[in-house]
Amino acid sequence: MTSPNSLYTLIGGEEGIKRLVNAYLLALTTDPLARELRNAYPEDLSIYEARMFEFLSMWLGGPALYQERHGMPMLREMHRNMSITTTLRDQWMYCLRKALNDTVAEEELRLELESRFWKMADSITRR
């Protein structure tokens, strides 16, 4: 059961996560400042879209969709074949900030989410 105070609930549950993922992918695929990051992904983003939705649902306190379908998420292991540089991390955060600004109206919630995403992204960055 999802807590009424979870970030998952506060962002709008399933629909809020879908809006965030869609806004992120829009920024990734259309913003020239994310070109290097976009080139690091496969051409077809449908698998990534589904997995990002599943992961964020669980990570933000909602249903454990990712774990049920793929096992425990191991971010470092999942990104082992992708050398995440500070440039890629910063482009990822740039797209995510755009997505948060487009989908999360409440500033305090948006800043909390941004802080958590930054810690996650920074933890898998190779220096």
N, C-alpha and C. Protein backbone atom coordinates (compact mmCIF):
# COMPACT_ATOMS: atom_id res chain seq x y z
N MET A 1 0.84 -1.18 0.00
CA MET A 1 0.00 0.00 0.00
C MET A 1 0.88 1.25 0.00
N THR A 2 0.52 2.22 -0.77
CA THR A 2 1.28 3.44 -0.91
C THR A 2 0.88 4.45 0.16
N SER A 3 1.88 5.02 0.81
CA SER A 3 1.63 6.03 1.84
C SER A 3 1.09 7.31 1.22
N PRO A 4 0.14 7.96 1.89
CA PRO A 4 -0.39 9.22 1.36
C PRO A 4 0.65 10.34 1.35
N ASN A 5 1.73 10.16 2.10
CA ASN A 5 2.79 11.18 2.16
C ASN A 5 4.00 10.82 1.32
N SER A 6 3.93 9.71 0.58
CA SER A 6 5.09 9.31 -0.24
C SER A 6 5.27 10.29 -1.40
N LEU A 7 6.48 10.37 -1.88
CA LEU A 7 6.75 11.22 -3.05
C LEU A 7 5.93 10.73 -4.24
N TYR A 8 5.71 9.43 -4.32
CA TYR A 8 4.89 8.85 -5.39
C TYR A 8 3.49 9.46 -5.36
N THR A 9 2.88 9.51 -4.20
CA THR A 9 1.54 10.08 -4.07
C THR A 9 1.57 11.58 -4.32
N LEU A 10 2.56 12.25 -3.75
CA LEU A 10 2.63 13.71 -3.88
C LEU A 10 2.85 14.17 -5.32
N ILE A 11 3.54 13.34 -6.11
CA ILE A 11 3.79 13.71 -7.51
C ILE A 11 2.57 13.40 -8.40
N GLY A 12 1.63 12.65 -7.86
CA GLY A 12 0.41 12.36 -8.62
C GLY A 12 0.25 10.90 -8.97
N GLY A 13 0.97 10.03 -8.27
CA GLY A 13 0.84 8.59 -8.49
C GLY A 13 1.27 8.18 -9.89
N GLU A 14 0.62 7.16 -10.40
CA GLU A 14 0.96 6.60 -11.71
C GLU A 14 0.94 7.67 -12.81
N GLU A 15 -0.10 8.48 -12.81
CA GLU A 15 -0.21 9.52 -13.85
C GLU A 15 0.88 10.57 -13.72
N GLY A 16 1.24 10.92 -12.50
CA GLY A 16 2.31 11.89 -12.28
C GLY A 16 3.65 11.37 -12.76
N ILE A 17 3.92 10.09 -12.49
CA ILE A 17 5.18 9.47 -12.94
C ILE A 17 5.20 9.42 -14.47
N LYS A 18 4.08 9.04 -15.08
CA LYS A 18 4.02 8.99 -16.54
C LYS A 18 4.27 10.37 -17.15
N ARG A 19 3.69 11.41 -16.56
CA ARG A 19 3.91 12.77 -17.06
C ARG A 19 5.39 13.15 -16.95
N LEU A 20 5.99 12.81 -15.82
CA LEU A 20 7.41 13.13 -15.61
C LEU A 20 8.29 12.41 -16.62
N VAL A 21 8.06 11.12 -16.81
CA VAL A 21 8.85 10.33 -17.76
C VAL A 21 8.67 10.88 -19.18
N ASN A 22 7.45 11.16 -19.55
CA ASN A 22 7.19 11.70 -20.90
C ASN A 22 7.86 13.05 -21.10
N ALA A 23 7.80 13.91 -20.08
CA ALA A 23 8.45 15.22 -20.18
C ALA A 23 9.96 15.08 -20.25
N TYR A 24 10.51 14.13 -19.50
CA TYR A 24 11.95 13.87 -19.56
C TYR A 24 12.35 13.42 -20.98
N LEU A 25 11.61 12.47 -21.51
CA LEU A 25 11.94 11.96 -22.85
C LEU A 25 11.78 13.04 -23.92
N LEU A 26 10.82 13.91 -23.75
CA LEU A 26 10.66 15.01 -24.69
C LEU A 26 11.88 15.92 -24.67
N ALA A 27 12.33 16.27 -23.47
CA ALA A 27 13.54 17.10 -23.36
C ALA A 27 14.75 16.37 -23.94
N LEU A 28 14.88 15.09 -23.63
CA LEU A 28 16.00 14.29 -24.12
C LEU A 28 16.06 14.26 -25.65
N THR A 29 14.90 14.14 -26.27
CA THR A 29 14.87 13.95 -27.72
C THR A 29 14.77 15.24 -28.52
N THR A 30 14.47 16.35 -27.88
CA THR A 30 14.28 17.58 -28.65
C THR A 30 15.25 18.71 -28.30
N ASP A 31 15.83 18.67 -27.13
CA ASP A 31 16.68 19.78 -26.71
C ASP A 31 18.11 19.57 -27.20
N PRO A 32 18.65 20.50 -27.98
CA PRO A 32 20.01 20.36 -28.50
C PRO A 32 21.07 20.28 -27.39
N LEU A 33 20.76 20.81 -26.21
CA LEU A 33 21.72 20.74 -25.10
C LEU A 33 21.86 19.34 -24.53
N ALA A 34 20.99 18.42 -24.94
CA ALA A 34 21.04 17.03 -24.46
C ALA A 34 21.51 16.08 -25.55
N ARG A 35 22.07 16.60 -26.61
CA ARG A 35 22.44 15.77 -27.76
C ARG A 35 23.40 14.63 -27.39
N GLU A 36 24.43 14.93 -26.62
CA GLU A 36 25.39 13.89 -26.25
C GLU A 36 24.71 12.79 -25.43
N LEU A 37 23.85 13.19 -24.51
CA LEU A 37 23.11 12.20 -23.71
C LEU A 37 22.20 11.37 -24.60
N ARG A 38 21.48 12.01 -25.50
CA ARG A 38 20.57 11.28 -26.40
C ARG A 38 21.34 10.25 -27.21
N ASN A 39 22.53 10.61 -27.65
CA ASN A 39 23.35 9.68 -28.44
C ASN A 39 23.84 8.49 -27.63
N ALA A 40 23.79 8.60 -26.31
CA ALA A 40 24.22 7.48 -25.46
C ALA A 40 23.13 6.42 -25.31
N TYR A 41 21.91 6.76 -25.70
CA TYR A 41 20.79 5.83 -25.61
C TYR A 41 20.61 5.10 -26.94
N PRO A 42 19.91 3.96 -26.90
CA PRO A 42 19.54 3.32 -28.17
C PRO A 42 18.52 4.18 -28.92
N GLU A 43 18.39 3.95 -30.20
CA GLU A 43 17.45 4.72 -31.02
C GLU A 43 16.02 4.59 -30.48
N ASP A 44 15.60 3.36 -30.18
CA ASP A 44 14.25 3.10 -29.67
C ASP A 44 14.26 3.26 -28.14
N LEU A 45 13.53 4.22 -27.65
CA LEU A 45 13.50 4.51 -26.22
C LEU A 45 12.36 3.82 -25.48
N SER A 46 11.60 2.97 -26.14
CA SER A 46 10.41 2.39 -25.52
C SER A 46 10.76 1.52 -24.31
N ILE A 47 11.82 0.75 -24.38
CA ILE A 47 12.21 -0.08 -23.23
C ILE A 47 12.64 0.81 -22.08
N TYR A 48 13.44 1.83 -22.39
CA TYR A 48 13.88 2.77 -21.36
C TYR A 48 12.69 3.48 -20.72
N GLU A 49 11.74 3.89 -21.54
CA GLU A 49 10.55 4.58 -21.03
C GLU A 49 9.82 3.70 -20.01
N ALA A 50 9.61 2.44 -20.36
CA ALA A 50 8.91 1.51 -19.46
C ALA A 50 9.70 1.28 -18.18
N ARG A 51 11.00 1.08 -18.32
CA ARG A 51 11.82 0.80 -17.12
C ARG A 51 11.96 2.03 -16.23
N MET A 52 12.06 3.20 -16.84
CA MET A 52 12.14 4.41 -16.03
C MET A 52 10.85 4.59 -15.23
N PHE A 53 9.70 4.35 -15.87
CA PHE A 53 8.43 4.42 -15.17
C PHE A 53 8.38 3.42 -14.01
N GLU A 54 8.77 2.18 -14.28
CA GLU A 54 8.73 1.14 -13.25
C GLU A 54 9.67 1.48 -12.10
N PHE A 55 10.88 1.91 -12.43
CA PHE A 55 11.86 2.24 -11.39
C PHE A 55 11.39 3.42 -10.55
N LEU A 56 10.97 4.50 -11.21
CA LEU A 56 10.56 5.68 -10.45
C LEU A 56 9.34 5.42 -9.59
N SER A 57 8.43 4.58 -10.06
CA SER A 57 7.27 4.23 -9.24
C SER A 57 7.72 3.67 -7.90
N MET A 58 8.65 2.73 -7.95
CA MET A 58 9.14 2.10 -6.72
C MET A 58 10.02 3.06 -5.93
N TRP A 59 10.94 3.73 -6.61
CA TRP A 59 11.92 4.60 -5.96
C TRP A 59 11.26 5.75 -5.20
N LEU A 60 10.12 6.19 -5.69
CA LEU A 60 9.41 7.29 -5.05
C LEU A 60 8.35 6.82 -4.05
N GLY A 61 8.31 5.52 -3.77
CA GLY A 61 7.44 5.02 -2.72
C GLY A 61 6.14 4.40 -3.18
N GLY A 62 6.02 4.15 -4.47
CA GLY A 62 4.81 3.52 -5.00
C GLY A 62 5.00 2.03 -5.19
N PRO A 63 4.21 1.43 -6.07
CA PRO A 63 4.31 -0.01 -6.31
C PRO A 63 5.71 -0.41 -6.78
N ALA A 64 6.15 -1.58 -6.33
CA ALA A 64 7.49 -2.08 -6.66
C ALA A 64 7.49 -2.75 -8.03
N LEU A 65 7.06 -2.04 -9.04
CA LEU A 65 6.92 -2.60 -10.39
C LEU A 65 8.25 -3.09 -10.94
N TYR A 66 9.29 -2.30 -10.78
CA TYR A 66 10.59 -2.69 -11.32
C TYR A 66 11.07 -3.98 -10.67
N GLN A 67 11.01 -4.03 -9.36
CA GLN A 67 11.48 -5.21 -8.63
C GLN A 67 10.67 -6.45 -9.00
N GLU A 68 9.37 -6.31 -9.15
CA GLU A 68 8.52 -7.44 -9.51
C GLU A 68 8.87 -7.99 -10.89
N ARG A 69 9.23 -7.13 -11.81
CA ARG A 69 9.47 -7.54 -13.20
C ARG A 69 10.93 -7.83 -13.53
N HIS A 70 11.85 -7.19 -12.80
CA HIS A 70 13.26 -7.30 -13.18
C HIS A 70 14.19 -7.64 -12.03
N GLY A 71 13.67 -7.77 -10.83
CA GLY A 71 14.52 -8.01 -9.67
C GLY A 71 14.97 -6.69 -9.04
N MET A 72 15.85 -6.80 -8.09
CA MET A 72 16.33 -5.61 -7.39
C MET A 72 17.04 -4.67 -8.35
N PRO A 73 16.73 -3.39 -8.28
CA PRO A 73 17.44 -2.44 -9.15
C PRO A 73 18.84 -2.20 -8.61
N MET A 74 19.79 -2.34 -9.47
CA MET A 74 21.18 -2.09 -9.11
C MET A 74 21.70 -1.06 -10.12
N LEU A 75 21.57 0.22 -9.76
CA LEU A 75 21.86 1.29 -10.70
C LEU A 75 23.28 1.22 -11.27
N ARG A 76 24.25 0.99 -10.43
CA ARG A 76 25.63 0.92 -10.93
C ARG A 76 25.80 -0.23 -11.91
N GLU A 77 25.23 -1.36 -11.58
CA GLU A 77 25.33 -2.53 -12.46
C GLU A 77 24.59 -2.28 -13.77
N MET A 78 23.42 -1.68 -13.70
CA MET A 78 22.63 -1.41 -14.91
C MET A 78 23.34 -0.44 -15.85
N HIS A 79 24.16 0.42 -15.30
CA HIS A 79 24.83 1.44 -16.10
C HIS A 79 26.31 1.12 -16.33
N ARG A 80 26.70 -0.10 -16.03
CA ARG A 80 28.10 -0.49 -16.15
C ARG A 80 28.63 -0.32 -17.59
N ASN A 81 27.82 -0.63 -18.58
CA ASN A 81 28.26 -0.55 -19.97
C ASN A 81 28.21 0.88 -20.52
N MET A 82 27.73 1.80 -19.72
CA MET A 82 27.61 3.18 -20.14
C MET A 82 28.49 4.03 -19.22
N SER A 83 29.52 4.61 -19.76
CA SER A 83 30.39 5.44 -18.96
C SER A 83 29.71 6.77 -18.69
N ILE A 84 29.21 6.92 -17.49
CA ILE A 84 28.47 8.13 -17.15
C ILE A 84 29.46 9.18 -16.66
N THR A 85 29.74 10.09 -17.54
CA THR A 85 30.66 11.18 -17.25
C THR A 85 29.89 12.31 -16.55
N THR A 86 30.62 13.28 -16.06
CA THR A 86 29.95 14.42 -15.45
C THR A 86 29.10 15.17 -16.50
N THR A 87 29.56 15.17 -17.75
CA THR A 87 28.78 15.82 -18.82
C THR A 87 27.45 15.11 -19.01
N LEU A 88 27.47 13.77 -19.09
CA LEU A 88 26.22 13.03 -19.25
C LEU A 88 25.32 13.20 -18.03
N ARG A 89 25.91 13.16 -16.85
CA ARG A 89 25.12 13.37 -15.62
C ARG A 89 24.44 14.74 -15.66
N ASP A 90 25.21 15.76 -16.04
CA ASP A 90 24.66 17.11 -16.05
C ASP A 90 23.57 17.26 -17.12
N GLN A 91 23.73 16.61 -18.25
CA GLN A 91 22.69 16.66 -19.28
C GLN A 91 21.44 15.90 -18.81
N TRP A 92 21.64 14.79 -18.11
CA TRP A 92 20.50 14.04 -17.57
C TRP A 92 19.74 14.92 -16.58
N MET A 93 20.48 15.57 -15.69
CA MET A 93 19.83 16.45 -14.71
C MET A 93 19.16 17.64 -15.40
N TYR A 94 19.76 18.16 -16.44
CA TYR A 94 19.16 19.26 -17.19
C TYR A 94 17.79 18.84 -17.74
N CYS A 95 17.73 17.67 -18.37
CA CYS A 95 16.45 17.15 -18.91
C CYS A 95 15.47 16.88 -17.78
N LEU A 96 15.96 16.35 -16.69
CA LEU A 96 15.07 16.03 -15.58
C LEU A 96 14.53 17.30 -14.93
N ARG A 97 15.37 18.31 -14.78
CA ARG A 97 14.89 19.59 -14.24
C ARG A 97 13.80 20.19 -15.13
N LYS A 98 14.01 20.13 -16.44
CA LYS A 98 12.98 20.61 -17.36
C LYS A 98 11.69 19.83 -17.14
N ALA A 99 11.81 18.53 -17.02
CA ALA A 99 10.63 17.68 -16.82
C ALA A 99 9.94 18.00 -15.50
N LEU A 100 10.72 18.18 -14.44
CA LEU A 100 10.14 18.53 -13.15
C LEU A 100 9.44 19.89 -13.21
N ASN A 101 10.08 20.85 -13.86
CA ASN A 101 9.46 22.18 -13.99
C ASN A 101 8.16 22.12 -14.77
N ASP A 102 8.08 21.22 -15.74
CA ASP A 102 6.87 21.09 -16.56
C ASP A 102 5.76 20.29 -15.91
N THR A 103 6.10 19.46 -14.92
CA THR A 103 5.10 18.53 -14.40
C THR A 103 4.80 18.66 -12.91
N VAL A 104 5.65 19.33 -12.15
CA VAL A 104 5.45 19.43 -10.70
C VAL A 104 5.28 20.91 -10.34
N ALA A 105 4.06 21.28 -10.00
CA ALA A 105 3.75 22.69 -9.75
C ALA A 105 4.28 23.18 -8.40
N GLU A 106 4.25 22.32 -7.40
CA GLU A 106 4.64 22.73 -6.05
C GLU A 106 6.16 22.83 -5.94
N GLU A 107 6.65 24.02 -5.66
CA GLU A 107 8.09 24.27 -5.64
C GLU A 107 8.83 23.41 -4.61
N GLU A 108 8.30 23.29 -3.43
CA GLU A 108 8.98 22.51 -2.38
C GLU A 108 9.14 21.05 -2.81
N LEU A 109 8.11 20.47 -3.38
CA LEU A 109 8.17 19.10 -3.86
C LEU A 109 9.16 18.98 -5.02
N ARG A 110 9.12 19.92 -5.93
CA ARG A 110 10.03 19.91 -7.07
C ARG A 110 11.49 19.96 -6.60
N LEU A 111 11.79 20.80 -5.64
CA LEU A 111 13.16 20.91 -5.13
C LEU A 111 13.60 19.64 -4.38
N GLU A 112 12.66 19.05 -3.65
CA GLU A 112 12.97 17.78 -2.95
C GLU A 112 13.29 16.69 -3.96
N LEU A 113 12.47 16.59 -4.99
CA LEU A 113 12.71 15.58 -6.03
C LEU A 113 14.04 15.83 -6.74
N GLU A 114 14.29 17.08 -7.08
CA GLU A 114 15.54 17.42 -7.77
C GLU A 114 16.75 17.02 -6.91
N SER A 115 16.69 17.28 -5.63
CA SER A 115 17.78 16.92 -4.72
C SER A 115 18.01 15.40 -4.71
N ARG A 116 16.94 14.65 -4.64
CA ARG A 116 17.07 13.19 -4.63
C ARG A 116 17.59 12.65 -5.96
N PHE A 117 17.10 13.22 -7.06
CA PHE A 117 17.59 12.79 -8.37
C PHE A 117 19.07 13.13 -8.52
N TRP A 118 19.47 14.28 -8.03
CA TRP A 118 20.88 14.66 -8.13
C TRP A 118 21.76 13.66 -7.38
N LYS A 119 21.38 13.29 -6.18
CA LYS A 119 22.17 12.32 -5.40
C LYS A 119 22.26 10.99 -6.14
N MET A 120 21.15 10.55 -6.72
CA MET A 120 21.16 9.29 -7.46
C MET A 120 22.08 9.40 -8.67
N ALA A 121 21.94 10.45 -9.46
CA ALA A 121 22.75 10.61 -10.66
C ALA A 121 24.23 10.73 -10.31
N ASP A 122 24.53 11.48 -9.29
CA ASP A 122 25.93 11.67 -8.90
C ASP A 122 26.55 10.37 -8.40
N SER A 123 25.74 9.51 -7.80
CA SER A 123 26.28 8.26 -7.24
C SER A 123 26.76 7.28 -8.31
N ILE A 124 26.29 7.44 -9.55
CA ILE A 124 26.72 6.51 -10.62
C ILE A 124 27.64 7.18 -11.63
N THR A 125 28.07 8.40 -11.33
CA THR A 125 28.95 9.13 -12.23
C THR A 125 30.38 8.66 -12.02
N ARG A 126 31.04 8.42 -13.13
CA ARG A 126 32.45 8.02 -13.09
C ARG A 126 33.31 9.26 -13.22
N ARG A 127 34.25 9.38 -12.35
CA ARG A 127 35.15 10.55 -12.37
C ARG A 127 36.52 10.16 -12.81
